N, C-alpha and C. Protein backbone atom coordinates (compact mmCIF):
# COMPACT_ATOMS: atom_id res chain seq x y z
N MET A 1 42.25 71.13 100.19
CA MET A 1 43.17 72.20 100.48
C MET A 1 42.63 73.02 101.64
N HIS A 2 43.50 73.33 102.56
CA HIS A 2 43.15 74.14 103.72
C HIS A 2 43.29 75.62 103.38
N LEU A 3 42.54 76.45 104.09
CA LEU A 3 42.67 77.89 103.93
C LEU A 3 44.07 78.30 104.34
N LEU A 4 44.73 79.09 103.49
CA LEU A 4 46.05 79.59 103.82
C LEU A 4 45.96 80.48 105.06
N GLU A 5 46.93 80.36 105.92
CA GLU A 5 47.00 81.22 107.10
C GLU A 5 47.83 82.45 106.74
N ASN A 6 47.36 83.61 107.14
CA ASN A 6 48.08 84.84 106.81
C ASN A 6 49.03 85.19 107.96
N ARG A 7 50.32 84.94 107.77
CA ARG A 7 51.34 85.24 108.76
C ARG A 7 52.22 86.42 108.36
N ALA A 8 51.84 87.09 107.28
CA ALA A 8 52.62 88.24 106.83
C ALA A 8 52.50 89.37 107.84
N GLN A 9 53.53 90.20 107.89
CA GLN A 9 53.53 91.32 108.81
C GLN A 9 52.41 92.31 108.47
N ASN A 10 52.21 92.57 107.19
CA ASN A 10 51.11 93.41 106.73
C ASN A 10 49.97 92.50 106.32
N VAL A 11 48.82 92.66 106.95
CA VAL A 11 47.70 91.75 106.70
C VAL A 11 46.60 92.45 105.90
N VAL A 12 46.27 91.86 104.78
CA VAL A 12 45.12 92.28 103.99
C VAL A 12 44.02 91.27 104.31
N PRO A 13 42.90 91.71 104.86
CA PRO A 13 41.89 90.77 105.37
C PRO A 13 41.43 89.70 104.38
N SER A 14 41.26 90.04 103.12
CA SER A 14 40.73 89.07 102.15
C SER A 14 41.81 88.25 101.45
N LEU A 15 43.08 88.52 101.73
CA LEU A 15 44.17 87.90 100.97
C LEU A 15 44.21 86.38 101.11
N ALA A 16 44.07 85.86 102.31
CA ALA A 16 44.15 84.41 102.51
C ALA A 16 43.06 83.69 101.72
N ALA A 17 41.84 84.18 101.79
CA ALA A 17 40.74 83.54 101.06
C ALA A 17 40.94 83.67 99.55
N THR A 18 41.41 84.83 99.10
CA THR A 18 41.61 85.05 97.66
C THR A 18 42.67 84.10 97.11
N LEU A 19 43.82 84.02 97.77
CA LEU A 19 44.88 83.13 97.28
C LEU A 19 44.49 81.67 97.38
N THR A 20 43.82 81.29 98.46
CA THR A 20 43.37 79.90 98.61
C THR A 20 42.46 79.51 97.46
N GLU A 21 41.51 80.37 97.12
CA GLU A 21 40.57 80.07 96.03
C GLU A 21 41.27 80.01 94.68
N LYS A 22 42.25 80.86 94.46
CA LYS A 22 43.00 80.83 93.19
C LYS A 22 43.73 79.49 93.04
N ILE A 23 44.39 79.06 94.11
CA ILE A 23 45.14 77.80 94.07
C ILE A 23 44.18 76.62 93.93
N ARG A 24 43.13 76.61 94.75
CA ARG A 24 42.13 75.53 94.69
C ARG A 24 41.51 75.46 93.29
N GLY A 25 41.12 76.61 92.76
CA GLY A 25 40.50 76.65 91.44
C GLY A 25 41.41 76.13 90.35
N ARG A 26 42.68 76.50 90.42
CA ARG A 26 43.65 76.03 89.41
C ARG A 26 43.78 74.52 89.47
N ILE A 27 43.89 73.96 90.65
CA ILE A 27 44.03 72.51 90.81
C ILE A 27 42.79 71.78 90.33
N LEU A 28 41.63 72.24 90.77
CA LEU A 28 40.38 71.55 90.40
C LEU A 28 40.10 71.65 88.91
N SER A 29 40.39 72.79 88.29
CA SER A 29 40.09 72.95 86.87
C SER A 29 41.06 72.19 85.97
N GLN A 30 42.26 71.93 86.44
CA GLN A 30 43.27 71.28 85.61
C GLN A 30 43.45 69.79 85.86
N THR A 31 42.94 69.29 86.99
CA THR A 31 43.20 67.88 87.31
C THR A 31 41.97 66.99 87.29
N GLY A 32 40.81 67.56 87.48
CA GLY A 32 39.61 66.74 87.60
C GLY A 32 39.46 66.16 88.99
N LEU A 33 40.35 66.52 89.92
CA LEU A 33 40.23 66.06 91.30
C LEU A 33 39.03 66.73 91.95
N ALA A 34 38.49 66.09 92.96
CA ALA A 34 37.39 66.67 93.74
C ALA A 34 37.86 66.87 95.16
N PRO A 35 37.47 67.98 95.78
CA PRO A 35 37.89 68.21 97.16
C PRO A 35 37.20 67.24 98.12
N VAL A 36 37.95 66.75 99.08
CA VAL A 36 37.40 65.90 100.13
C VAL A 36 37.88 66.45 101.47
N SER A 37 37.12 66.18 102.51
CA SER A 37 37.45 66.73 103.81
C SER A 37 37.97 65.67 104.78
N THR A 38 38.48 64.58 104.24
CA THR A 38 38.98 63.51 105.11
C THR A 38 40.50 63.56 105.18
N ASP A 39 41.04 62.92 106.19
CA ASP A 39 42.48 62.88 106.35
C ASP A 39 43.15 61.84 105.46
N ASP A 40 42.36 61.07 104.73
CA ASP A 40 42.94 60.04 103.87
C ASP A 40 42.93 60.43 102.39
N ALA A 41 42.88 61.72 102.11
CA ALA A 41 42.91 62.20 100.73
C ALA A 41 44.25 61.85 100.10
N ASP A 42 44.25 61.67 98.79
CA ASP A 42 45.49 61.35 98.08
C ASP A 42 46.49 62.50 98.14
N TYR A 43 45.96 63.73 98.15
CA TYR A 43 46.81 64.92 98.14
C TYR A 43 46.33 65.88 99.21
N ASP A 44 47.26 66.51 99.88
CA ASP A 44 46.91 67.50 100.89
C ASP A 44 47.82 68.70 100.71
N LEU A 45 47.24 69.87 100.61
CA LEU A 45 48.01 71.09 100.42
C LEU A 45 47.62 72.07 101.52
N SER A 46 48.61 72.59 102.21
CA SER A 46 48.38 73.59 103.25
C SER A 46 49.51 74.60 103.19
N GLY A 47 49.35 75.70 103.88
CA GLY A 47 50.42 76.67 103.86
C GLY A 47 50.04 77.98 104.49
N SER A 48 50.93 78.94 104.33
CA SER A 48 50.70 80.25 104.91
C SER A 48 51.31 81.34 104.03
N ILE A 49 50.71 82.51 104.13
CA ILE A 49 51.25 83.69 103.47
C ILE A 49 52.32 84.24 104.40
N THR A 50 53.53 84.34 103.91
CA THR A 50 54.63 84.76 104.77
C THR A 50 55.13 86.17 104.48
N THR A 51 54.86 86.67 103.27
CA THR A 51 55.35 87.99 102.89
C THR A 51 54.27 88.75 102.13
N TYR A 52 54.07 89.98 102.53
CA TYR A 52 53.24 90.94 101.80
C TYR A 52 53.93 92.28 102.01
N THR A 53 54.77 92.67 101.06
CA THR A 53 55.55 93.89 101.23
C THR A 53 55.48 94.77 99.99
N VAL A 54 55.65 96.05 100.23
CA VAL A 54 55.76 97.02 99.14
C VAL A 54 57.14 97.66 99.28
N SER A 55 57.86 97.70 98.16
CA SER A 55 59.20 98.28 98.17
C SER A 55 59.39 99.10 96.89
N VAL A 56 60.43 99.90 96.87
CA VAL A 56 60.77 100.67 95.68
C VAL A 56 61.53 99.76 94.73
N SER A 57 61.12 99.74 93.46
CA SER A 57 61.82 98.89 92.49
C SER A 57 62.51 99.71 91.41
N GLY A 58 62.22 100.99 91.35
CA GLY A 58 62.87 101.86 90.37
C GLY A 58 62.86 103.28 90.90
N ALA A 59 63.89 104.04 90.57
CA ALA A 59 63.98 105.39 91.08
C ALA A 59 64.42 106.36 90.00
N VAL A 60 63.86 107.55 90.06
CA VAL A 60 64.27 108.63 89.18
C VAL A 60 65.60 109.19 89.70
N ASN A 61 65.65 109.35 91.01
CA ASN A 61 66.88 109.79 91.69
C ASN A 61 66.83 109.25 93.12
N ALA A 62 67.76 109.64 93.94
CA ALA A 62 67.86 109.09 95.30
C ALA A 62 66.62 109.40 96.15
N GLN A 63 65.90 110.45 95.81
CA GLN A 63 64.74 110.83 96.62
C GLN A 63 63.38 110.48 96.00
N THR A 64 63.36 110.10 94.73
CA THR A 64 62.08 109.92 94.04
C THR A 64 61.96 108.53 93.41
N ALA A 65 60.94 107.80 93.84
CA ALA A 65 60.67 106.48 93.27
C ALA A 65 59.92 106.63 91.96
N SER A 66 60.21 105.77 91.00
CA SER A 66 59.44 105.75 89.76
C SER A 66 58.52 104.52 89.72
N LYS A 67 58.95 103.46 90.36
CA LYS A 67 58.16 102.22 90.42
C LYS A 67 58.20 101.68 91.84
N ASN A 68 57.08 101.07 92.23
CA ASN A 68 57.01 100.34 93.49
C ASN A 68 56.70 98.89 93.16
N ARG A 69 56.98 98.01 94.11
CA ARG A 69 56.80 96.58 93.88
C ARG A 69 56.03 95.97 95.05
N LEU A 70 54.99 95.24 94.72
CA LEU A 70 54.28 94.44 95.71
C LEU A 70 54.80 93.02 95.59
N THR A 71 55.28 92.47 96.69
CA THR A 71 55.82 91.12 96.73
C THR A 71 54.99 90.26 97.68
N LEU A 72 54.61 89.08 97.21
CA LEU A 72 53.88 88.11 98.02
C LEU A 72 54.65 86.80 98.03
N SER A 73 54.73 86.18 99.21
CA SER A 73 55.32 84.85 99.33
C SER A 73 54.36 83.95 100.09
N VAL A 74 54.28 82.71 99.64
CA VAL A 74 53.50 81.71 100.34
C VAL A 74 54.37 80.48 100.57
N SER A 75 54.30 79.97 101.77
CA SER A 75 55.01 78.74 102.12
C SER A 75 53.99 77.61 102.01
N ILE A 76 54.29 76.63 101.16
CA ILE A 76 53.34 75.56 100.86
C ILE A 76 53.90 74.21 101.29
N LYS A 77 53.04 73.43 101.92
CA LYS A 77 53.36 72.04 102.25
C LYS A 77 52.40 71.17 101.45
N PHE A 78 52.97 70.40 100.52
CA PHE A 78 52.17 69.53 99.67
C PHE A 78 52.49 68.09 100.02
N LYS A 79 51.47 67.34 100.39
CA LYS A 79 51.65 65.93 100.74
C LYS A 79 50.98 65.08 99.68
N ASN A 80 51.78 64.25 99.01
CA ASN A 80 51.30 63.34 98.00
C ASN A 80 51.34 61.94 98.59
N ARG A 81 50.18 61.44 98.99
CA ARG A 81 50.13 60.12 99.65
C ARG A 81 50.25 58.97 98.66
N LYS A 82 50.14 59.26 97.37
CA LYS A 82 50.31 58.23 96.35
C LYS A 82 51.78 58.05 95.99
N ASN A 83 52.56 59.11 96.19
CA ASN A 83 53.98 59.08 95.86
C ASN A 83 54.70 60.06 96.79
N GLU A 84 55.18 59.56 97.92
CA GLU A 84 55.80 60.42 98.94
C GLU A 84 56.97 61.23 98.38
N LYS A 85 57.67 60.71 97.37
CA LYS A 85 58.79 61.44 96.79
C LYS A 85 58.35 62.73 96.11
N ALA A 86 57.07 62.82 95.76
CA ALA A 86 56.55 64.02 95.11
C ALA A 86 56.07 65.06 96.13
N SER A 87 56.09 64.73 97.40
CA SER A 87 55.71 65.68 98.45
C SER A 87 56.79 66.75 98.57
N PHE A 88 56.40 67.95 99.00
CA PHE A 88 57.39 69.02 99.16
C PHE A 88 56.90 70.08 100.13
N THR A 89 57.85 70.82 100.65
CA THR A 89 57.60 72.05 101.39
C THR A 89 58.47 73.10 100.73
N GLN A 90 57.84 74.18 100.26
CA GLN A 90 58.58 75.18 99.49
C GLN A 90 57.90 76.54 99.63
N THR A 91 58.71 77.58 99.57
CA THR A 91 58.18 78.94 99.54
C THR A 91 58.19 79.44 98.10
N PHE A 92 57.05 79.98 97.68
CA PHE A 92 56.89 80.53 96.34
C PHE A 92 56.74 82.05 96.47
N THR A 93 57.46 82.79 95.66
CA THR A 93 57.43 84.25 95.72
C THR A 93 57.21 84.82 94.33
N ARG A 94 56.32 85.79 94.26
CA ARG A 94 56.08 86.52 93.02
C ARG A 94 55.87 87.98 93.36
N PHE A 95 56.04 88.85 92.37
CA PHE A 95 55.87 90.28 92.59
C PHE A 95 55.27 90.92 91.35
N SER A 96 54.80 92.13 91.55
CA SER A 96 54.31 92.93 90.44
C SER A 96 54.64 94.39 90.73
N ASP A 97 55.14 95.08 89.71
CA ASP A 97 55.51 96.49 89.85
C ASP A 97 54.35 97.39 89.46
N PHE A 98 54.30 98.56 90.09
CA PHE A 98 53.29 99.55 89.72
C PHE A 98 53.91 100.93 89.80
N ASP A 99 53.35 101.84 89.03
CA ASP A 99 53.86 103.20 88.94
C ASP A 99 53.78 103.88 90.30
N ALA A 100 54.84 104.56 90.68
CA ALA A 100 54.91 105.20 91.99
C ALA A 100 53.92 106.35 92.13
N THR A 101 53.36 106.82 91.03
CA THR A 101 52.35 107.87 91.13
C THR A 101 51.00 107.32 91.56
N GLN A 102 50.85 106.01 91.55
CA GLN A 102 49.61 105.36 91.97
C GLN A 102 49.72 104.95 93.44
N THR A 103 48.60 105.00 94.14
CA THR A 103 48.60 104.51 95.52
C THR A 103 48.36 103.01 95.51
N LEU A 104 48.89 102.34 96.51
CA LEU A 104 48.69 100.90 96.62
C LEU A 104 47.20 100.58 96.67
N GLN A 105 46.43 101.36 97.39
CA GLN A 105 45.00 101.11 97.53
C GLN A 105 44.30 101.11 96.17
N ASN A 106 44.77 101.92 95.23
CA ASN A 106 44.14 101.99 93.91
C ASN A 106 44.46 100.80 93.03
N VAL A 107 45.61 100.18 93.24
CA VAL A 107 46.05 99.09 92.35
C VAL A 107 46.13 97.73 93.05
N GLU A 108 45.91 97.71 94.34
CA GLU A 108 46.14 96.50 95.14
C GLU A 108 45.35 95.29 94.66
N ASN A 109 44.05 95.44 94.42
CA ASN A 109 43.24 94.29 94.01
C ASN A 109 43.73 93.69 92.70
N GLY A 110 44.07 94.53 91.74
CA GLY A 110 44.59 94.04 90.47
C GLY A 110 45.93 93.35 90.62
N LEU A 111 46.80 93.92 91.47
CA LEU A 111 48.11 93.30 91.71
C LEU A 111 47.96 91.95 92.39
N ILE A 112 47.09 91.89 93.39
CA ILE A 112 46.85 90.62 94.10
C ILE A 112 46.30 89.58 93.14
N ASP A 113 45.41 89.99 92.24
CA ASP A 113 44.85 89.06 91.26
C ASP A 113 45.95 88.52 90.35
N ASP A 114 46.80 89.41 89.85
CA ASP A 114 47.90 89.03 88.96
C ASP A 114 48.91 88.12 89.67
N ILE A 115 49.35 88.54 90.82
CA ILE A 115 50.34 87.76 91.58
C ILE A 115 49.73 86.43 92.02
N GLY A 116 48.47 86.46 92.43
CA GLY A 116 47.79 85.22 92.85
C GLY A 116 47.72 84.20 91.73
N ASN A 117 47.45 84.66 90.50
CA ASN A 117 47.42 83.74 89.36
C ASN A 117 48.80 83.13 89.11
N GLN A 118 49.85 83.95 89.23
CA GLN A 118 51.21 83.44 89.04
C GLN A 118 51.58 82.42 90.11
N LEU A 119 51.23 82.73 91.36
CA LEU A 119 51.53 81.80 92.46
C LEU A 119 50.76 80.49 92.29
N ALA A 120 49.49 80.60 91.90
CA ALA A 120 48.68 79.40 91.68
C ALA A 120 49.30 78.53 90.59
N ASP A 121 49.77 79.14 89.51
CA ASP A 121 50.43 78.40 88.43
C ASP A 121 51.70 77.73 88.93
N ASP A 122 52.50 78.47 89.69
CA ASP A 122 53.77 77.91 90.21
C ASP A 122 53.51 76.71 91.11
N ILE A 123 52.56 76.84 92.01
CA ILE A 123 52.25 75.77 92.96
C ILE A 123 51.67 74.57 92.23
N PHE A 124 50.74 74.82 91.32
CA PHE A 124 50.16 73.74 90.53
C PHE A 124 51.24 72.99 89.75
N ASN A 125 52.11 73.74 89.08
CA ASN A 125 53.16 73.11 88.27
C ASN A 125 54.09 72.27 89.13
N LYS A 126 54.46 72.75 90.30
CA LYS A 126 55.34 71.99 91.19
C LYS A 126 54.65 70.72 91.67
N ALA A 127 53.36 70.82 91.98
CA ALA A 127 52.65 69.67 92.55
C ALA A 127 52.18 68.67 91.51
N PHE A 128 51.77 69.14 90.32
CA PHE A 128 51.07 68.25 89.40
C PHE A 128 51.62 68.15 87.99
N VAL A 129 52.63 68.91 87.63
CA VAL A 129 53.10 68.91 86.24
C VAL A 129 53.61 67.53 85.80
N ASN A 130 54.26 66.82 86.66
CA ASN A 130 54.75 65.48 86.30
C ASN A 130 53.75 64.41 86.69
N TRP A 131 52.56 64.81 86.96
CA TRP A 131 51.48 63.96 87.41
C TRP A 131 51.13 63.01 86.33
């Protein structure tokens, strides 16, 4: 698996490495596959982070937010050289809400961890569930 490229408008310096490791770890722990650095690997996964946004997800009134939402999207290209029909290119999106009284900086690492685990599960399931 290649390091995800961070193409999101808002860039968190450690995000690409964090998400890459979550996805890699999920695949390695669940499949027994070993990483190889050759172009003739049975499976190749690459991609980029395309969205990192914070938006209002709940409001007390028109002027006051009650909840904010961090949304992450990753575009993944999975190449299955053993079964080309199982190859895909797809964007996966997940989000997590947090109380508007909290700053993003205070909750960001936990949100990224939570969303990263969900994205890793989604990508793993798409690539290997029918394996």
